[in-house]
Protein backbone atom coordinates (compact mmCIF):
# COMPACT_ATOMS: atom_id res chain seq x y z
CA MET A 1 101.57 72.66 92.65
CA GLU A 2 104.77 72.13 91.84
CA GLN A 3 107.91 74.46 92.44
CA ARG A 4 110.34 74.50 90.04
CA GLY A 5 112.80 77.12 89.61
CA GLU A 6 110.59 80.37 88.78
CA GLY A 7 107.72 78.18 88.98
CA GLY A 8 105.18 77.34 91.48
CA LEU A 9 102.51 79.21 93.10
CA LEU A 10 102.82 82.58 90.68
CA GLY A 11 99.65 85.05 91.10
CA LEU A 12 96.73 85.20 93.49
CA ALA A 13 93.23 87.25 92.70
CA LEU A 14 90.37 87.63 94.69
CA HIS A 15 87.09 88.14 92.65
CA PRO A 16 85.55 91.95 92.86
CA ARG A 17 82.63 89.97 94.92
CA PHE A 18 84.64 87.97 97.11
CA LYS A 19 82.57 88.87 100.14
CA GLU A 20 79.19 87.14 98.53
CA ASN A 21 81.20 84.55 96.21
CA LYS A 22 84.27 83.66 98.17
CA TRP A 23 85.77 82.86 95.05
CA ILE A 24 89.66 83.16 95.08
CA TYR A 25 91.93 82.79 92.20
CA LEU A 26 95.27 81.13 91.78
CA TYR A 27 97.59 80.82 89.09
CA PHE A 28 100.35 78.32 89.30
CA THR A 29 102.32 75.91 87.61
CA THR A 30 101.64 71.85 87.96
CA ARG A 31 102.28 68.73 85.87
CA ASP A 32 99.94 65.89 84.18
CA GLU A 33 100.98 63.52 81.86
CA ALA A 34 102.06 65.71 79.06
CA GLY A 35 104.65 67.71 81.60
CA LEU A 36 104.62 70.62 83.19
CA LYS A 37 102.52 73.42 82.74
CA ASN A 38 100.91 76.49 84.43
CA GLN A 39 97.36 76.82 85.20
CA VAL A 40 94.22 79.65 86.47
CA VAL A 41 92.47 77.90 88.88
CA ARG A 42 89.57 79.14 90.89
CA TYR A 43 88.54 77.88 94.16
CA VAL A 44 86.19 78.72 96.81
CA PHE A 45 87.73 80.01 99.95
CA GLU A 46 85.88 79.41 103.03
CA ASN A 47 86.24 78.69 106.76
CA ASN A 48 90.53 78.84 105.84
CA ARG A 49 89.87 76.20 103.06
CA LEU A 50 89.72 75.74 99.86
CA SER A 51 87.00 73.90 97.52
CA GLY A 52 84.89 73.60 94.58
CA LYS A 53 88.38 73.88 91.78
CA LYS A 54 87.50 74.85 88.59
CA ILE A 55 90.20 75.24 85.77
CA ILE A 56 89.72 78.71 84.30
CA VAL A 57 93.09 78.82 81.71
CA ASP A 58 94.77 75.60 81.16
CA ARG A 59 98.08 74.46 79.46
CA ILE A 60 99.87 77.70 79.85
CA PRO A 61 103.43 76.80 78.98
CA ALA A 62 105.43 76.45 81.70
CA ALA A 63 109.22 75.92 82.14
CA THR A 64 112.31 76.58 84.87
CA PHE A 65 112.13 80.39 83.98
CA HIS A 66 109.85 82.85 82.63
CA ASN A 67 106.62 82.09 83.54
CA GLY A 68 104.99 85.25 84.06
CA GLY A 69 103.17 85.37 87.45
CA ARG A 70 100.15 88.04 87.57
CA ILE A 71 96.65 87.75 87.66
CA GLN A 72 94.05 90.39 88.07
CA PHE A 73 90.33 91.76 88.08
CA GLY A 74 90.30 94.98 85.86
CA PRO A 75 87.70 97.56 85.77
CA ASP A 76 85.84 95.74 83.24
CA GLY A 77 85.26 93.00 85.43
CA LEU A 78 87.31 90.70 83.31
CA LEU A 79 90.11 88.60 84.58
CA TYR A 80 93.57 89.19 82.78
CA ALA A 81 96.76 87.22 83.58
CA GLY A 82 100.55 88.03 82.35
CA THR A 83 102.75 84.83 81.52
CA GLY A 84 105.91 84.30 80.20
CA ASP A 85 107.77 82.95 77.24
CA ALA A 86 108.79 80.26 78.82
CA GLY A 87 112.12 79.96 77.57
CA ASP A 88 110.90 80.04 74.07
CA SER A 89 111.37 83.13 72.68
CA GLN A 90 109.33 82.83 69.44
CA SER A 91 106.49 81.77 70.86
CA ALA A 92 105.73 84.98 72.33
CA GLN A 93 104.77 86.17 68.69
CA ASP A 94 102.59 83.74 67.94
CA PRO A 95 99.27 85.32 68.68
CA GLN A 96 97.48 81.17 69.19
CA ALA A 97 100.24 80.44 71.85
CA LEU A 98 99.28 81.42 75.22
CA ALA A 99 103.13 81.78 76.28
CA GLY A 100 104.62 85.51 76.65
CA LYS A 101 101.17 87.35 76.49
CA ILE A 102 98.62 88.98 78.57
CA LEU A 103 95.01 86.42 78.70
CA ARG A 104 91.56 87.81 79.46
CA VAL A 105 89.02 85.74 80.02
CA ARG A 106 85.55 86.20 81.88
CA GLU A 107 85.00 84.99 85.57
CA ASP A 108 84.28 81.34 84.37
CA GLY A 109 86.92 81.30 82.02
CA SER A 110 85.29 81.69 79.20
CA LEU A 111 86.07 84.00 76.25
CA PRO A 112 85.37 88.07 75.92
CA PRO A 113 83.24 88.29 72.51
CA ASP A 114 85.97 91.03 71.66
CA ASN A 115 89.23 89.18 72.62
CA PRO A 116 91.22 89.85 69.37
CA PHE A 117 92.12 86.32 68.09
CA GLY A 118 89.05 84.26 69.11
CA ASN A 119 91.42 82.92 72.15
CA PRO A 120 92.12 84.39 75.63
CA VAL A 121 95.32 86.16 74.40
CA PHE A 122 94.59 89.83 74.95
CA SER A 123 98.27 91.31 73.74
CA TYR A 124 101.83 89.35 72.47
CA GLY A 125 104.99 89.73 72.29
CA HIS A 126 105.64 89.64 75.84
CA ARG A 127 109.19 88.30 77.50
CA ASN A 128 107.89 87.82 81.19
CA VAL A 129 104.86 90.02 82.50
CA GLN A 130 104.84 90.12 86.26
CA GLY A 131 103.01 93.45 86.85
CA LEU A 132 99.36 94.76 86.06
CA ALA A 133 97.90 97.79 86.92
CA TRP A 134 95.16 99.98 85.63
CA ASP A 135 94.99 104.03 85.84
CA ASP A 136 92.46 106.55 85.99
CA GLN A 137 91.66 106.58 82.96
CA ARG A 138 91.12 102.71 82.82
CA ARG A 139 93.81 102.10 80.80
CA LEU A 140 95.81 99.39 81.43
CA TRP A 141 99.91 98.89 82.49
CA ALA A 142 102.39 96.24 82.37
CA THR A 143 105.80 95.49 83.79
CA GLU A 144 108.06 93.05 82.24
CA HIS A 145 111.60 91.60 82.32
CA GLY A 146 114.02 92.09 79.75
CA ARG A 147 116.61 90.23 78.71
CA SER A 148 118.76 88.33 81.47
CA GLY A 149 122.33 86.85 82.05
CA LEU A 150 125.50 88.64 80.78
CA PHE A 151 123.40 91.03 78.92
CA SER A 152 120.74 91.79 81.52
CA GLY A 153 118.97 94.89 80.92
CA TYR A 154 115.75 96.41 79.24
CA ASP A 155 113.16 96.17 81.69
CA GLU A 156 109.79 97.59 80.78
CA LEU A 157 106.85 99.42 81.30
CA ASN A 158 104.00 99.08 78.58
CA LEU A 159 100.96 100.75 77.90
CA ILE A 160 98.96 97.88 76.83
CA GLU A 161 96.19 97.93 74.37
CA LYS A 162 93.70 95.11 72.75
CA GLY A 163 95.93 93.10 70.07
CA LYS A 164 98.71 95.02 70.03
CA ASN A 165 102.09 93.58 69.38
CA TYR A 166 105.02 94.50 72.40
CA GLY A 167 108.08 93.22 70.10
CA TRP A 168 109.63 90.43 72.27
CA PRO A 169 112.06 88.98 70.65
CA VAL A 170 112.57 90.89 67.58
CA ILE A 171 112.59 94.88 69.36
CA GLN A 172 113.50 96.03 72.34
CA GLY A 173 114.63 99.15 74.44
CA ASP A 174 114.17 101.68 71.75
CA GLU A 175 114.19 99.91 68.80
CA THR A 176 111.34 100.44 66.83
CA ARG A 177 109.46 98.07 63.81
CA ALA A 178 106.53 98.63 62.03
CA GLY A 179 103.47 97.00 63.65
CA MET A 180 105.06 96.33 66.92
CA VAL A 181 104.83 99.03 70.02
CA ALA A 182 108.01 99.80 72.29
CA PRO A 183 107.90 100.37 75.91
CA VAL A 184 106.51 103.84 77.55
CA ILE A 185 110.19 103.63 79.70
CA HIS A 186 112.65 100.87 79.54
CA SER A 187 115.64 100.86 81.89
CA GLY A 188 118.38 100.29 79.23
CA PRO A 189 121.21 98.12 78.28
CA ASP A 190 123.12 98.75 81.84
CA VAL A 191 120.84 98.39 84.04
CA THR A 192 118.23 95.92 85.51
CA TRP A 193 115.00 96.56 87.43
CA ALA A 194 113.61 93.32 87.72
CA PRO A 195 110.37 94.77 87.60
CA SER A 196 107.30 92.77 89.09
CA GLY A 197 103.55 93.75 91.13
CA ALA A 198 102.49 97.34 90.15
CA ARG A 199 99.85 99.70 91.58
CA HIS A 200 98.52 102.73 90.43
CA TYR A 201 98.24 105.63 92.49
CA ARG A 202 97.18 109.56 92.03
CA GLY A 203 98.68 109.95 88.81
CA SER A 204 101.70 107.58 88.89
CA ILE A 205 102.20 103.84 88.20
CA PHE A 206 104.07 102.10 91.32
CA PHE A 207 105.98 99.03 90.47
CA ALA A 208 108.24 96.75 93.10
CA GLY A 209 111.65 95.99 91.77
CA LEU A 210 113.50 92.46 92.68
CA ARG A 211 116.87 92.89 91.30
CA GLY A 212 116.77 96.41 91.75
CA GLN A 213 115.42 96.36 95.21
CA THR A 214 113.60 99.45 94.77
CA LEU A 215 110.14 100.76 95.09
CA TYR A 216 109.74 102.85 91.66
CA GLN A 217 107.30 105.42 90.61
CA ALA A 218 106.56 106.22 87.53
CA ARG A 219 105.14 109.56 87.06
CA LEU A 220 102.46 109.55 84.08
CA ASP A 221 102.11 112.60 81.72
CA THR A 222 98.69 113.52 80.33
CA ALA A 223 99.71 111.82 77.04
CA GLY A 224 100.17 108.47 78.33
CA GLY A 225 103.82 108.73 78.66
CA VAL A 226 106.74 109.00 81.81
CA GLU A 227 107.88 112.06 82.91
CA LYS A 228 109.70 111.29 85.69
CA LEU A 229 110.99 108.04 87.07
CA VAL A 230 111.60 108.30 91.06
CA GLY A 231 112.79 105.58 93.47
CA TYR A 232 112.64 104.79 97.34
CA PHE A 233 113.93 102.49 99.74
CA LYS A 234 116.90 101.08 97.58
CA GLY A 235 118.39 98.23 99.33
CA THR A 236 116.58 98.47 102.57
CA PHE A 237 114.08 95.80 102.53
CA GLY A 238 116.06 93.44 99.55
CA ARG A 239 114.14 92.25 96.51
CA LEU A 240 110.69 93.48 96.45
CA ARG A 241 107.80 91.09 94.74
CA THR A 242 104.60 93.27 94.35
CA VAL A 243 103.14 96.74 95.81
CA VAL A 244 99.31 96.60 96.86
CA LEU A 245 97.29 99.74 98.20
CA GLY A 246 95.21 98.80 101.18
CA PRO A 247 92.23 100.14 102.34
CA ASP A 248 93.57 101.90 104.89
CA GLY A 249 95.52 103.76 102.18
CA LEU A 250 98.73 102.37 102.95
CA PHE A 251 101.03 100.55 100.47
CA TYR A 252 101.99 96.92 101.84
CA LEU A 253 105.36 95.78 100.10
CA LEU A 254 106.09 92.23 99.79
CA THR A 255 109.84 91.31 99.96
CA SER A 256 111.32 88.20 98.05
CA ASN A 257 114.77 87.54 99.84
CA THR A 258 114.02 83.75 100.69
CA ASP A 259 113.80 82.53 96.84
CA GLY A 260 117.16 82.19 96.67
CA ARG A 261 118.00 85.02 94.97
CA GLY A 262 117.46 87.50 98.00
CA ARG A 263 120.32 88.22 100.79
CA LEU A 264 118.23 87.07 103.73
CA GLY A 265 117.94 89.63 106.80
CA LYS A 266 116.51 88.05 110.40
CA SER A 267 113.22 88.92 109.32
CA ASP A 268 112.83 87.75 105.56
CA ASP A 269 110.30 87.31 104.18
CA ARG A 270 108.00 89.95 105.56
CA ILE A 271 104.81 92.42 104.49
CA VAL A 272 106.02 95.89 105.09
CA THR A 273 103.53 98.93 105.26
CA VAL A 274 104.11 102.51 104.06
CA ASP A 275 102.70 105.28 104.12
CA PRO A 276 102.86 107.28 100.55
CA GLY A 277 101.98 110.45 102.23
CA LYS A 278 105.05 110.55 103.48
CA MET A 279 106.98 109.30 100.52
CA GLY A 280 106.54 112.36 98.42
CA ALA A 281 104.26 111.19 96.31
CA PRO A 282 102.12 113.53 94.35
């Protein structure tokens, strides 16, 4: 594993039958004789040790910036991974490249027969996917970082469909183009959410904000849109990396203030528990 810029340990997922097989999946940056790359790797986690390494997806393009960083099993039992464009925006438009994509594979890395391009690619045209969540209709939602630097903004929440092109770098914000899908909601040109991990809860997609330093709630309507966006805890905990719903019904928020971009508090970084019932969630 190699930490470089935004690279390093990017994501973690437990197999749906983890209690029986002890399989844990890691998405991380590493290096071989050909250079820097990202991998999804499966291990056996037992007695606080990792063993039985198996590469699930190899040679995902890596760079100092835009490595993506979310892996998660969907309700179909398949493993999904959000990747970044690794600084090569045009690669996001190539369905045969693994950069700037949402990938989908079986638990052993083999391809589902209905993958649209005969490779791990499930959707394309992404800049930097950071969060994945399924709603109660089994629809996949993804958070994505928009442009950065002097003209930062246009962060996105997308409703993902198999084989669709989500437009980066050709369109952003409310722009449209034939054959491309615009985001369900975006931050606009003057606001940066830097959205990260996401979770569906009672008709809403909740997602963590890094630069936005907020837990966002996108209330979904019946047509697959967002009727309202609400923010909680703005600036209270600093940068928020992800939100998880625990078996106890509480949200677990992970802060990200020790990554060189946050303002450190005495107890950073930390995991914060929040009762969603006391946040006004529907």
